[in-house]
N, C-alpha and C. Protein backbone atom coordinates (compact mmCIF):
# COMPACT_ATOMS: atom_id res chain seq x y z
N UNK A 1 -12.70 14.42 15.69
CA UNK A 1 -12.97 14.23 14.79
C UNK A 1 -14.81 14.52 13.59
N UNK A 2 -14.33 15.18 12.71
CA UNK A 2 -15.88 16.12 12.30
C UNK A 2 -16.60 15.15 11.79
N UNK A 3 -18.10 15.74 12.15
CA UNK A 3 -19.55 14.73 11.57
C UNK A 3 -19.08 13.87 9.71
N UNK A 4 -18.56 15.10 9.17
CA UNK A 4 -18.02 14.89 8.09
C UNK A 4 -16.46 13.87 7.37
N UNK A 5 -16.57 12.96 6.71
CA UNK A 5 -15.49 12.76 7.38
C UNK A 5 -14.27 12.24 5.89
N UNK A 6 -12.99 13.24 5.62
CA UNK A 6 -12.28 13.47 4.89
C UNK A 6 -10.98 12.54 4.48
N UNK A 7 -11.73 12.42 2.91
CA UNK A 7 -10.65 11.33 2.57
C UNK A 7 -9.77 12.01 1.61
N UNK A 8 -8.50 11.33 1.27
CA UNK A 8 -8.11 11.50 0.38
C UNK A 8 -7.83 10.13 -1.02
N UNK A 9 -8.21 10.07 -2.18
CA UNK A 9 -7.37 8.82 -2.86
C UNK A 9 -6.40 8.93 -3.53
N UNK A 10 -5.78 7.44 -2.81
CA UNK A 10 -4.33 7.87 -3.93
C UNK A 10 -4.61 6.36 -4.69
N UNK A 11 -4.35 6.96 -6.13
CA UNK A 11 -4.10 5.65 -7.45
C UNK A 11 -4.15 5.87 -8.44
N UNK A 12 -2.87 5.24 -9.27
CA UNK A 12 -2.37 6.05 -10.02
C UNK A 12 -3.39 5.36 -10.99
N UNK A 13 -4.77 5.22 -10.94
CA UNK A 13 -5.57 5.25 -12.65
C UNK A 13 -6.32 6.11 -11.97
N UNK A 14 -6.39 6.92 -13.43
CA UNK A 14 -7.20 8.30 -12.89
C UNK A 14 -8.88 7.76 -13.35
N UNK A 15 -9.51 7.05 -14.25
CA UNK A 15 -10.56 6.35 -13.56
C UNK A 15 -11.36 5.82 -12.57
N UNK A 16 -9.95 5.10 -12.09
CA UNK A 16 -10.03 4.01 -10.28
C UNK A 16 -10.39 5.59 -9.54
N UNK A 17 -9.82 6.40 -9.75
CA UNK A 17 -9.88 7.75 -8.74
C UNK A 17 -11.60 8.01 -9.09
N UNK A 18 -11.90 8.85 -10.38
CA UNK A 18 -13.20 9.40 -10.46
C UNK A 18 -13.76 8.02 -10.12
N UNK A 19 -13.96 6.82 -10.59
CA UNK A 19 -15.36 6.05 -9.76
C UNK A 19 -15.96 5.92 -8.16
N UNK A 20 -14.34 5.90 -7.89
CA UNK A 20 -14.48 6.60 -6.04
C UNK A 20 -15.10 7.74 -5.71
N UNK A 21 -14.39 8.33 -6.34
CA UNK A 21 -15.09 9.49 -5.82
C UNK A 21 -16.19 10.16 -6.41
N UNK A 22 -17.22 9.14 -7.13
CA UNK A 22 -18.70 9.47 -7.53
C UNK A 22 -19.12 8.54 -6.51
N UNK A 23 -18.43 7.73 -6.26
CA UNK A 23 -19.45 6.71 -4.89
C UNK A 23 -19.11 7.08 -3.79
N UNK A 24 -18.23 7.68 -3.19
CA UNK A 24 -17.95 8.63 -1.80
C UNK A 24 -18.92 10.03 -1.91
N UNK A 25 -18.82 10.75 -2.83
CA UNK A 25 -19.49 11.59 -2.59
C UNK A 25 -20.56 11.84 -2.74
N UNK A 26 -21.49 10.27 -3.22
CA UNK A 26 -22.82 10.86 -3.55
C UNK A 26 -23.55 10.07 -1.89
N UNK A 27 -22.06 9.98 -0.58
CA UNK A 27 -22.38 9.46 0.91
C UNK A 27 -22.56 10.92 1.44
N UNK A 28 -23.42 10.75 2.08
CA UNK A 28 -23.83 11.96 2.67
C UNK A 28 -22.87 12.61 3.98
N UNK A 29 -21.95 11.03 4.69
CA UNK A 29 -21.01 11.51 5.76
C UNK A 29 -19.60 11.96 5.00
N UNK A 30 -19.53 11.62 3.17
CA UNK A 30 -17.81 11.18 3.22
C UNK A 30 -17.32 11.97 1.73
N UNK A 31 -16.62 13.52 2.24
CA UNK A 31 -16.22 14.26 1.23
C UNK A 31 -15.33 13.62 0.95
N UNK A 32 -14.32 13.54 -0.53
CA UNK A 32 -13.59 13.62 -0.77
C UNK A 32 -12.41 14.63 -1.00
N UNK A 33 -11.62 15.43 -0.45
CA UNK A 33 -10.55 16.65 -0.45
C UNK A 33 -9.55 16.44 -0.90
N UNK A 34 -9.04 15.30 -1.55
CA UNK A 34 -7.85 14.93 -1.92
C UNK A 34 -7.74 14.43 -3.06
N UNK A 35 -6.46 14.12 -4.65
CA UNK A 35 -6.15 12.80 -5.11
C UNK A 35 -4.99 13.38 -5.26
N UNK A 36 -4.08 11.95 -5.46
CA UNK A 36 -2.98 11.21 -5.74
C UNK A 36 -2.80 10.66 -6.99
N UNK A 37 -1.59 10.55 -7.69
CA UNK A 37 -1.65 9.56 -8.51
C UNK A 37 0.33 9.11 -8.17
N UNK A 38 0.15 9.11 -6.86
CA UNK A 38 1.93 8.64 -6.60
C UNK A 38 1.61 8.78 -5.05
N UNK A 39 2.54 8.33 -4.62
CA UNK A 39 2.78 8.01 -3.22
C UNK A 39 3.66 9.48 -2.71
N UNK A 40 4.29 9.91 -3.62
CA UNK A 40 4.92 11.08 -3.32
C UNK A 40 3.86 11.97 -3.81
N UNK A 41 3.05 11.91 -4.35
CA UNK A 41 2.10 13.15 -4.53
C UNK A 41 1.31 13.15 -3.13
N UNK A 42 0.93 12.13 -2.67
CA UNK A 42 0.20 11.98 -1.30
C UNK A 42 0.83 12.83 -0.46
N UNK A 43 2.49 12.52 0.03
CA UNK A 43 3.01 12.73 0.86
C UNK A 43 3.51 14.00 0.58
N UNK A 44 3.29 14.78 -0.64
CA UNK A 44 3.17 16.24 -0.57
C UNK A 44 1.84 17.57 0.14
N UNK A 45 1.01 16.92 -0.46
CA UNK A 45 -0.30 16.77 -0.35
C UNK A 45 -0.78 17.15 0.92
N UNK A 46 -0.74 16.20 1.67
CA UNK A 46 -0.65 15.89 2.77
C UNK A 46 -1.54 17.14 3.88
N UNK A 47 -0.29 18.43 4.02
CA UNK A 47 -0.77 18.93 5.11
C UNK A 47 -1.85 19.87 4.16
N UNK A 48 -1.56 19.98 3.14
CA UNK A 48 -2.99 20.86 2.80
C UNK A 48 -4.43 20.32 2.74
N UNK A 49 -3.78 18.75 2.29
CA UNK A 49 -6.50 18.04 2.69
C UNK A 49 -6.49 17.36 3.74
N UNK A 50 -5.19 17.74 4.67
CA UNK A 50 -5.72 17.15 6.04
C UNK A 50 -6.68 15.91 6.13
N UNK A 51 -6.85 14.91 5.35
CA UNK A 51 -7.66 14.02 5.51
C UNK A 51 -7.72 13.28 6.39
N UNK A 52 -9.05 12.37 6.89
CA UNK A 52 -9.18 12.19 8.00
C UNK A 52 -8.99 10.19 7.65
N UNK A 53 -9.07 9.97 6.15
CA UNK A 53 -8.59 8.42 5.98
C UNK A 53 -7.77 9.14 4.14
N UNK A 54 -7.10 7.62 4.30
CA UNK A 54 -6.35 8.18 2.97
C UNK A 54 -6.27 6.41 2.43
N UNK A 55 -6.65 6.53 1.53
CA UNK A 55 -7.26 5.39 0.53
C UNK A 55 -6.31 5.00 -0.22
N UNK A 56 -5.31 4.06 0.51
CA UNK A 56 -3.98 4.49 -0.77
C UNK A 56 -4.04 2.78 -1.60
N UNK A 57 -3.87 3.13 -2.79
CA UNK A 57 -3.86 1.86 -3.47
C UNK A 57 -2.17 1.37 -3.20
N UNK A 58 -2.08 -0.05 -3.27
CA UNK A 58 -1.22 -0.71 -2.95
C UNK A 58 0.23 -0.70 -3.95
N UNK A 59 -0.42 -0.97 -5.56
CA UNK A 59 0.35 -1.04 -6.80
C UNK A 59 0.35 0.09 -7.15
N UNK A 60 0.77 0.85 -6.65
CA UNK A 60 0.90 2.21 -6.98
C UNK A 60 2.65 2.03 -8.58
N UNK A 61 2.72 2.78 -9.26
CA UNK A 61 3.92 3.33 -10.28
C UNK A 61 5.00 2.88 -9.94
N UNK A 62 5.29 4.25 -9.63
CA UNK A 62 7.05 3.95 -9.59
C UNK A 62 7.15 3.75 -7.97
N UNK A 63 6.79 3.82 -7.14
CA UNK A 63 6.49 2.80 -5.72
C UNK A 63 5.72 1.91 -5.31
N UNK A 64 5.45 1.64 -4.08
CA UNK A 64 4.49 0.85 -3.48
C UNK A 64 3.74 1.55 -2.21
N UNK A 65 2.33 1.06 -2.05
CA UNK A 65 1.55 1.87 -1.11
C UNK A 65 2.29 1.60 0.14
N UNK A 66 2.90 0.67 0.22
CA UNK A 66 3.11 -0.01 1.13
C UNK A 66 4.34 1.23 2.02
N UNK A 67 5.62 1.96 0.82
CA UNK A 67 6.92 2.47 1.31
C UNK A 67 5.57 4.21 1.42
N UNK A 68 5.13 4.00 0.53
CA UNK A 68 3.90 5.40 0.64
C UNK A 68 3.32 6.08 2.26
N UNK A 69 2.61 4.88 2.32
CA UNK A 69 2.20 4.45 4.05
C UNK A 69 3.54 4.62 5.11
N UNK A 70 4.29 3.64 4.90
CA UNK A 70 5.49 4.02 5.94
C UNK A 70 5.75 5.58 5.85
N UNK A 71 5.87 5.82 4.77
CA UNK A 71 6.52 7.33 4.34
C UNK A 71 5.43 8.90 5.29
N UNK A 72 4.98 8.28 5.14
CA UNK A 72 3.30 8.90 5.92
C UNK A 72 3.16 9.24 7.36
N UNK A 73 3.35 7.67 7.25
CA UNK A 73 3.08 7.71 8.94
C UNK A 73 4.36 7.89 10.37
N UNK A 74 5.27 8.09 8.92
CA UNK A 74 6.48 9.08 9.59
C UNK A 74 6.48 10.16 10.27
N UNK A 75 5.96 10.43 9.08
CA UNK A 75 5.84 11.96 9.23
C UNK A 75 4.68 12.67 9.67
N UNK A 76 3.69 11.82 10.02
CA UNK A 76 1.84 11.81 10.97
C UNK A 76 1.91 10.63 11.33
N UNK A 77 1.74 10.13 12.98
CA UNK A 77 1.28 9.35 13.54
C UNK A 77 0.18 9.15 13.22
N UNK A 78 -1.17 10.28 13.19
CA UNK A 78 -2.05 10.04 14.17
C UNK A 78 -2.82 9.17 12.26
N UNK A 79 -2.07 9.49 11.02
CA UNK A 79 -2.44 9.36 9.91
C UNK A 79 -2.99 7.82 9.60
N UNK A 80 -4.50 8.08 8.87
CA UNK A 80 -5.13 6.82 9.03
C UNK A 80 -5.19 6.10 7.58
N UNK A 81 -4.72 4.62 7.48
CA UNK A 81 -4.81 4.42 6.05
C UNK A 81 -5.28 3.45 5.92
N UNK A 82 -6.18 3.65 4.76
CA UNK A 82 -6.95 2.38 4.28
C UNK A 82 -6.21 1.52 3.11
N UNK A 83 -5.91 0.42 3.11
CA UNK A 83 -4.91 -0.35 1.94
C UNK A 83 -6.41 -0.88 1.09
N UNK A 84 -5.82 0.02 -0.89
CA UNK A 84 -7.15 -0.95 -1.27
C UNK A 84 -6.61 -1.67 -2.33
N UNK A 85 -6.45 -2.69 -2.66
CA UNK A 85 -5.65 -3.76 -3.77
C UNK A 85 -6.41 -4.36 -4.48
N UNK A 86 -6.16 -4.60 -5.71
CA UNK A 86 -6.58 -6.26 -6.08
C UNK A 86 -5.82 -7.48 -5.89
N UNK A 87 -4.59 -7.15 -4.94
CA UNK A 87 -3.87 -8.31 -4.74
C UNK A 87 -4.39 -8.77 -3.34
N UNK A 88 -4.33 -10.31 -2.50
CA UNK A 88 -4.83 -10.31 -1.75
C UNK A 88 -3.80 -11.25 -1.52
N UNK A 89 -2.98 -11.49 -1.66
CA UNK A 89 -1.84 -12.25 -1.05
C UNK A 89 -1.83 -12.12 0.70
N UNK A 90 -1.50 -12.80 1.32
CA UNK A 90 -1.31 -11.95 2.78
C UNK A 90 -0.27 -11.61 2.76
N UNK A 91 0.81 -11.16 2.61
CA UNK A 91 1.60 -11.20 2.49
C UNK A 91 2.32 -9.49 2.55
N UNK A 92 1.25 -8.96 1.44
CA UNK A 92 0.80 -7.24 1.28
C UNK A 92 0.00 -7.02 2.27
N UNK A 93 -1.03 -7.43 3.15
CA UNK A 93 -1.48 -6.85 3.94
C UNK A 93 -0.60 -7.04 5.61
N UNK A 94 0.06 -7.98 5.48
CA UNK A 94 0.68 -8.11 6.22
C UNK A 94 2.07 -6.78 6.21
N UNK A 95 2.91 -6.85 5.13
CA UNK A 95 3.76 -5.24 4.95
C UNK A 95 2.47 -4.08 5.63
N UNK A 96 1.47 -3.87 4.72
CA UNK A 96 0.66 -2.84 4.96
C UNK A 96 0.69 -2.35 6.39
N UNK A 97 0.05 -3.61 7.14
CA UNK A 97 -0.61 -3.60 8.29
C UNK A 97 0.93 -2.86 9.30
N UNK A 98 2.46 -3.97 8.79
CA UNK A 98 3.41 -3.25 9.38
C UNK A 98 4.06 -2.22 9.39
N UNK A 99 3.73 -0.93 8.14
CA UNK A 99 3.70 0.25 7.72
C UNK A 99 2.96 1.08 8.84
N UNK A 100 2.08 0.49 8.77
CA UNK A 100 0.89 1.33 9.99
C UNK A 100 -0.76 1.81 9.32
N UNK A 101 -0.99 1.12 8.43
CA UNK A 101 -1.95 1.19 7.78
C UNK A 101 -3.37 0.22 8.88
N UNK A 102 -4.24 1.00 8.85
CA UNK A 102 -5.21 0.36 9.67
C UNK A 102 -6.09 -0.74 8.77
N UNK A 103 -6.65 -0.13 8.09
CA UNK A 103 -7.28 -1.21 6.85
C UNK A 103 -6.87 -1.99 5.76
N UNK A 104 -7.45 -2.73 5.08
CA UNK A 104 -7.29 -3.44 4.13
C UNK A 104 -8.41 -4.13 3.50
N UNK A 105 -8.49 -3.65 2.27
CA UNK A 105 -9.55 -3.86 1.58
C UNK A 105 -9.35 -4.23 0.04
N UNK A 106 -10.26 -5.48 -0.58
CA UNK A 106 -10.30 -5.52 -1.74
C UNK A 106 -10.77 -4.76 -2.62
N UNK A 107 -10.19 -4.66 -4.09
CA UNK A 107 -11.30 -3.65 -4.83
C UNK A 107 -11.84 -4.37 -5.58
N UNK A 108 -12.29 -6.28 -5.41
CA UNK A 108 -13.13 -6.57 -5.86
C UNK A 108 -14.35 -6.30 -4.34
N UNK A 109 -14.47 -5.75 -3.28
CA UNK A 109 -15.18 -5.46 -2.55
C UNK A 109 -16.77 -4.65 -3.39
N UNK A 110 -17.64 -5.01 -2.51
CA UNK A 110 -19.13 -4.65 -2.73
C UNK A 110 -18.71 -2.59 -2.42
N UNK A 111 -19.32 -1.71 -3.27
CA UNK A 111 -19.10 -0.44 -2.86
C UNK A 111 -19.12 0.33 -1.05
N UNK A 112 -20.63 -0.36 -0.86
CA UNK A 112 -20.93 -0.18 0.80
C UNK A 112 -19.94 -0.58 1.38
N UNK A 113 -19.31 -1.42 0.58
CA UNK A 113 -18.08 -2.08 2.13
C UNK A 113 -16.54 -1.48 2.18
N UNK A 114 -16.39 -0.62 0.66
CA UNK A 114 -15.69 0.62 1.17
C UNK A 114 -16.05 1.71 1.86
N UNK A 115 -17.20 2.06 1.92
CA UNK A 115 -17.93 3.12 2.84
C UNK A 115 -18.08 2.95 4.02
N UNK A 116 -18.44 1.48 4.44
CA UNK A 116 -18.63 1.10 5.70
C UNK A 116 -16.51 0.58 5.77
N UNK A 117 -15.84 0.91 5.30
CA UNK A 117 -14.57 0.29 5.96
C UNK A 117 -13.73 1.92 6.00
N UNK A 118 -14.27 2.76 5.51
CA UNK A 118 -14.10 3.82 5.35
C UNK A 118 -14.08 4.30 6.86
N UNK A 119 -15.44 4.01 7.23
CA UNK A 119 -15.69 4.79 8.41
C UNK A 119 -15.07 3.99 10.13
N UNK A 120 -14.95 2.67 9.90
CA UNK A 120 -14.42 2.19 10.86
C UNK A 120 -13.02 2.67 11.15
N UNK A 121 -12.19 2.96 9.50
CA UNK A 121 -11.03 3.25 9.89
C UNK A 121 -11.28 4.97 10.35
N UNK A 122 -12.04 5.79 10.09
CA UNK A 122 -11.61 7.22 10.00
C UNK A 122 -12.50 6.78 11.98
N UNK A 123 -12.87 6.44 12.78
CA UNK A 123 -12.80 6.33 13.99
C UNK A 123 -11.58 5.22 14.64
N UNK A 124 -10.97 5.16 13.92
CA UNK A 124 -9.84 4.82 14.61
C UNK A 124 -9.41 3.14 14.17
N UNK A 125 -10.32 2.51 14.40
CA UNK A 125 -10.70 1.16 14.38
C UNK A 125 -10.33 0.14 13.11
N UNK A 126 -9.79 -0.82 13.49
CA UNK A 126 -8.98 -1.66 12.05
C UNK A 126 -9.98 -2.19 11.27
N UNK A 127 -10.28 -2.27 10.35
CA UNK A 127 -11.06 -3.11 9.54
C UNK A 127 -10.09 -3.99 7.84
N UNK A 128 -10.40 -5.17 8.24
CA UNK A 128 -9.77 -6.45 7.49
C UNK A 128 -10.85 -6.94 6.42
N UNK A 129 -10.41 -6.81 5.15
CA UNK A 129 -11.54 -8.04 4.04
C UNK A 129 -11.66 -8.91 4.61
N UNK A 130 -13.29 -9.55 4.61
CA UNK A 130 -13.58 -10.80 5.58
C UNK A 130 -12.81 -12.23 4.46
N UNK A 131 -12.46 -12.11 3.10
CA UNK A 131 -11.80 -13.04 2.52
C UNK A 131 -9.88 -12.90 2.69
N UNK A 132 -9.88 -11.62 2.69
CA UNK A 132 -8.37 -11.89 3.17
C UNK A 132 -7.81 -12.17 4.42
N UNK A 133 -8.94 -11.95 5.23
CA UNK A 133 -8.67 -12.11 7.00
C UNK A 133 -8.70 -13.68 6.69
N UNK A 134 -9.62 -14.70 6.08
CA UNK A 134 -9.61 -16.53 5.84
C UNK A 134 -8.48 -16.72 5.06
N UNK A 135 -8.03 -16.35 4.06
CA UNK A 135 -6.64 -16.43 3.79
C UNK A 135 -5.54 -16.26 4.48
N UNK A 136 -5.68 -15.08 5.81
CA UNK A 136 -4.79 -15.26 6.53
C UNK A 136 -4.52 -16.21 7.37
N UNK A 137 -5.72 -16.49 8.07
CA UNK A 137 -5.78 -17.13 9.63
C UNK A 137 -5.51 -18.71 8.80
N UNK A 138 -6.41 -18.98 7.78
CA UNK A 138 -5.72 -20.53 6.86
C UNK A 138 -4.10 -20.40 6.79
N UNK A 139 -3.45 -19.35 6.21
CA UNK A 139 -2.34 -19.60 6.51
C UNK A 139 -1.32 -20.20 7.42
N UNK A 140 -1.74 -19.16 9.18
CA UNK A 140 -1.61 -19.32 9.78
C UNK A 140 -1.53 -20.45 10.19
N UNK A 141 -3.20 -21.39 10.52
CA UNK A 141 -3.49 -22.56 11.12
C UNK A 141 -2.36 -23.59 10.61
N UNK A 142 -2.20 -23.68 8.72
CA UNK A 142 -1.51 -24.34 7.61
C UNK A 142 0.28 -24.22 8.04
N UNK A 143 0.43 -23.00 8.95
CA UNK A 143 1.83 -22.96 9.61
C UNK A 143 2.28 -22.68 7.91
N UNK A 144 1.99 -21.95 7.13
CA UNK A 144 1.98 -21.38 5.95
C UNK A 144 3.40 -20.29 6.00
N UNK A 145 4.02 -19.92 5.56
CA UNK A 145 5.10 -18.03 5.92
C UNK A 145 5.52 -18.02 4.08
N UNK A 146 4.85 -16.44 4.03
CA UNK A 146 5.52 -16.40 2.76
C UNK A 146 7.31 -15.87 3.11
N UNK A 147 8.15 -16.51 1.61
CA UNK A 147 9.45 -15.96 2.04
C UNK A 147 9.51 -14.74 2.03
N UNK A 148 9.10 -13.79 1.22
CA UNK A 148 8.85 -12.54 1.23
C UNK A 148 8.57 -11.95 2.81
N UNK A 149 8.26 -12.29 3.64
CA UNK A 149 7.93 -11.40 4.57
C UNK A 149 9.36 -11.58 5.31
N UNK A 150 10.62 -12.24 5.10
CA UNK A 150 11.52 -12.04 6.26
C UNK A 150 11.77 -10.84 5.80
N UNK A 151 11.80 -10.32 4.60
CA UNK A 151 11.98 -8.65 4.20
C UNK A 151 11.37 -7.84 5.03
N UNK A 152 11.64 -6.66 5.42
CA UNK A 152 11.71 -5.32 6.26
C UNK A 152 10.70 -4.58 5.51
N UNK A 153 9.87 -3.78 5.78
CA UNK A 153 9.22 -3.09 5.27
C UNK A 153 9.49 -2.18 3.73
N UNK A 154 10.94 -1.28 4.64
CA UNK A 154 11.56 -0.96 3.55
C UNK A 154 12.00 -1.45 2.26
N UNK A 155 12.96 -2.74 2.73
CA UNK A 155 13.08 -3.88 1.74
C UNK A 155 12.10 -4.31 0.87
N UNK A 156 10.76 -4.67 1.43
CA UNK A 156 9.55 -5.11 0.44
C UNK A 156 9.79 -3.65 -0.61
N UNK A 157 8.87 -2.66 0.08
CA UNK A 157 9.05 -1.15 -1.05
C UNK A 157 9.75 -1.75 -1.98
N UNK A 158 11.25 -1.50 -2.02
CA UNK A 158 12.38 -1.61 -3.02
C UNK A 158 12.67 -2.35 -3.43
N UNK A 159 11.95 -3.96 -3.23
CA UNK A 159 11.99 -5.24 -3.81
C UNK A 159 10.99 -5.19 -5.07
N UNK A 160 9.89 -4.37 -4.74
CA UNK A 160 8.74 -4.26 -5.71
C UNK A 160 8.94 -3.82 -6.94
N UNK A 161 10.14 -2.11 -6.56
CA UNK A 161 10.51 -1.60 -7.26
C UNK A 161 11.71 -1.54 -7.99
N UNK A 162 12.04 -3.20 -7.69
CA UNK A 162 13.29 -3.50 -8.69
C UNK A 162 12.30 -4.46 -9.31
N UNK A 163 11.40 -5.37 -8.84
CA UNK A 163 11.29 -6.22 -9.68
C UNK A 163 10.67 -5.33 -10.84
N UNK A 164 9.64 -4.35 -10.59
CA UNK A 164 8.93 -3.95 -12.01
C UNK A 164 9.97 -3.31 -12.94
N UNK A 165 11.25 -3.16 -12.26
CA UNK A 165 12.55 -2.70 -13.74
C UNK A 165 12.93 -1.13 -13.33
N UNK A 166 12.99 -0.56 -12.39
CA UNK A 166 13.61 0.65 -11.81
C UNK A 166 14.54 0.23 -11.78
N UNK A 167 15.68 0.92 -11.61
CA UNK A 167 17.25 0.99 -11.38
C UNK A 167 17.34 1.10 -10.07
N UNK A 168 18.80 0.85 -9.58
CA UNK A 168 18.78 1.22 -8.51
C UNK A 168 18.71 3.34 -8.35
N UNK A 169 19.62 3.45 -9.11
CA UNK A 169 19.08 5.22 -8.88
C UNK A 169 17.88 6.36 -9.65
N UNK A 170 16.72 5.45 -9.81
CA UNK A 170 15.99 5.75 -9.83
C UNK A 170 14.69 5.73 -8.85
N UNK A 171 15.35 4.25 -7.99
CA UNK A 171 14.92 4.09 -6.89
C UNK A 171 14.92 5.58 -5.88
N UNK A 172 16.69 5.32 -5.78
CA UNK A 172 17.12 6.57 -4.84
C UNK A 172 16.63 7.73 -5.00
N UNK A 173 15.94 8.09 -6.27
CA UNK A 173 15.82 9.57 -6.03
C UNK A 173 14.28 9.78 -5.99
N UNK A 174 13.64 8.13 -6.03
CA UNK A 174 12.04 7.91 -5.74
C UNK A 174 12.16 8.08 -4.12
N UNK A 175 12.57 7.60 -3.45
CA UNK A 175 12.94 7.80 -1.75
C UNK A 175 13.81 8.86 -1.45
N UNK A 176 14.20 9.39 -2.20
CA UNK A 176 15.33 11.00 -1.76
C UNK A 176 16.53 9.82 -1.07
N UNK A 177 16.89 8.94 -0.55
CA UNK A 177 17.79 8.75 -0.51
C UNK A 177 19.09 8.35 -1.76
N UNK A 178 20.72 7.98 -0.95
CA UNK A 178 21.43 7.76 -1.71
C UNK A 178 21.83 6.37 -2.66
N UNK A 179 22.16 6.60 -4.32
CA UNK A 179 22.11 5.27 -4.41
C UNK A 179 23.15 3.78 -3.51
N UNK A 180 23.96 4.68 -3.14
CA UNK A 180 24.29 3.41 -1.84
C UNK A 180 23.09 3.04 -0.77
N UNK A 181 22.49 3.74 -0.82
CA UNK A 181 22.19 3.19 0.37
C UNK A 181 20.95 1.60 -0.30
N UNK A 182 20.11 2.10 -1.00
CA UNK A 182 19.59 1.51 -2.03
C UNK A 182 20.65 -0.11 -2.70
N UNK A 183 21.43 0.47 -2.96
CA UNK A 183 22.93 -0.64 -3.57
C UNK A 183 22.91 -1.51 -2.25
N UNK A 184 23.08 -0.84 -1.01
CA UNK A 184 22.85 -1.79 0.39
C UNK A 184 21.67 -3.25 0.63
N UNK A 185 20.56 -2.29 -0.06
CA UNK A 185 19.19 -2.79 0.50
C UNK A 185 18.93 -4.24 -0.98
N UNK A 186 19.95 -3.74 -1.69
CA UNK A 186 19.23 -4.80 -3.29
C UNK A 186 20.72 -6.13 -2.48
N UNK A 187 21.61 -5.14 -2.25
CA UNK A 187 22.08 -7.14 -1.99
C UNK A 187 21.59 -7.22 -0.71
N UNK A 188 21.31 -7.05 0.41
CA UNK A 188 20.44 -7.67 1.54
C UNK A 188 19.06 -8.27 0.86
N UNK A 189 18.23 -7.73 0.05
CA UNK A 189 16.97 -8.96 -0.14
C UNK A 189 17.81 -9.54 -1.64
N UNK A 190 18.55 -9.32 -1.81
CA UNK A 190 19.10 -10.17 -2.98
C UNK A 190 19.54 -11.64 -1.61
N UNK A 191 20.36 -11.67 -0.51
CA UNK A 191 20.68 -12.49 0.03
C UNK A 191 19.56 -13.04 0.71
N UNK A 192 18.81 -12.36 1.34
CA UNK A 192 17.15 -12.92 1.62
C UNK A 192 16.66 -13.81 1.19
N UNK A 193 16.40 -13.40 -0.33
CA UNK A 193 15.76 -14.25 -1.12
C UNK A 193 16.50 -15.47 -1.83
N UNK A 194 17.63 -15.45 -1.51
CA UNK A 194 18.42 -16.50 -2.83
C UNK A 194 18.41 -15.99 -3.97
N UNK A 195 18.80 -14.57 -4.48
CA UNK A 195 18.28 -14.10 -5.81
C UNK A 195 19.68 -14.14 -6.82
N UNK A 196 20.35 -14.09 -7.47
CA UNK A 196 21.82 -13.54 -8.39
C UNK A 196 21.41 -12.43 -8.78
N UNK A 197 20.34 -12.40 -9.05
CA UNK A 197 19.86 -10.73 -10.09
C UNK A 197 18.37 -10.06 -9.97
N UNK A 198 18.72 -8.81 -11.01
CA UNK A 198 17.23 -8.54 -10.40
C UNK A 198 16.20 -8.77 -11.25
N UNK A 199 16.27 -9.97 -12.27
CA UNK A 199 15.47 -10.23 -12.97
C UNK A 199 15.30 -11.58 -12.45
N UNK A 200 15.88 -12.70 -11.14
CA UNK A 200 15.42 -13.58 -10.46
C UNK A 200 14.08 -12.98 -9.39
N UNK A 201 14.71 -11.22 -8.75
CA UNK A 201 13.70 -11.00 -7.58
C UNK A 201 12.59 -10.53 -8.87
N UNK A 202 12.44 -10.18 -9.89
CA UNK A 202 10.97 -10.20 -10.77
C UNK A 202 10.64 -11.58 -11.45
N UNK A 203 10.91 -12.68 -10.79
CA UNK A 203 10.30 -14.01 -11.27
C UNK A 203 9.69 -14.32 -9.68
N UNK A 204 10.37 -13.84 -8.94
CA UNK A 204 9.36 -14.16 -7.43
C UNK A 204 8.48 -13.57 -7.44
N UNK A 205 8.76 -11.92 -7.60
CA UNK A 205 7.34 -11.48 -7.59
C UNK A 205 6.35 -11.90 -8.28
N UNK A 206 6.87 -12.04 -9.75
CA UNK A 206 5.61 -12.80 -11.18
C UNK A 206 4.85 -14.05 -10.12
N UNK A 207 5.81 -14.90 -9.76
CA UNK A 207 5.63 -15.99 -8.89
C UNK A 207 4.58 -15.79 -7.90
N UNK A 208 4.82 -14.91 -7.38
CA UNK A 208 4.06 -14.40 -5.55
C UNK A 208 2.30 -14.25 -6.01
N UNK A 209 2.45 -13.64 -7.56
CA UNK A 209 1.56 -12.47 -8.00
C UNK A 209 1.27 -10.97 -7.37
N UNK A 210 2.43 -10.42 -7.26
CA UNK A 210 2.93 -9.12 -6.81
C UNK A 210 3.37 -7.98 -7.95
N UNK A 211 3.59 -8.69 -9.15
CA UNK A 211 3.69 -8.13 -10.37
C UNK A 211 3.02 -8.64 -11.38
N UNK A 212 2.67 -8.28 -12.40
CA UNK A 212 1.99 -9.32 -14.11
C UNK A 212 2.24 -8.75 -14.85
N UNK A 213 2.92 -10.10 -15.98
CA UNK A 213 3.67 -10.03 -17.35
C UNK A 213 3.04 -8.57 -17.92
């Protein structure tokens, strides 16, 4: 890797991307080489931007950072993803790490921590927000387990899209698979979470702080 760290920003809020760009470009060893407002846009730009680190928001609009990370790593196993989110639920962290992310940082963190995290991930090292690490450790110590963690990474991504109100057909188009495949995921998700319909899935996501009213 070169001395200059090439970064792609993936966030569906333009104001957030502008703020991060201003912060990072004031740092001598970091350069923002690409921006994307969705997981699909990030996937399409990957070969042109060739970033050293992809700073990935988890709560993207149409899809999730988990699904976007899974797709990117399936295409390029050397890609290095730093998840950045306002969500601090340990289940989100575990799904991002399972999908292949090397780091996880809360948006509430100080600016200098983002720079430190990018440098760590660029070097191939894992970086976890201290507060999130503590929550994960406490959950393990207390023997707690979020029921959502019985879902696979793909199921979790589909679950989030369903919880946000997307239809089976819309999700199929977003993920470039058949509606039948998404229908199978929907059936499995409802079985695993003991939910009768999509409205109940939305309530489960709301209860776990994964979506907001």
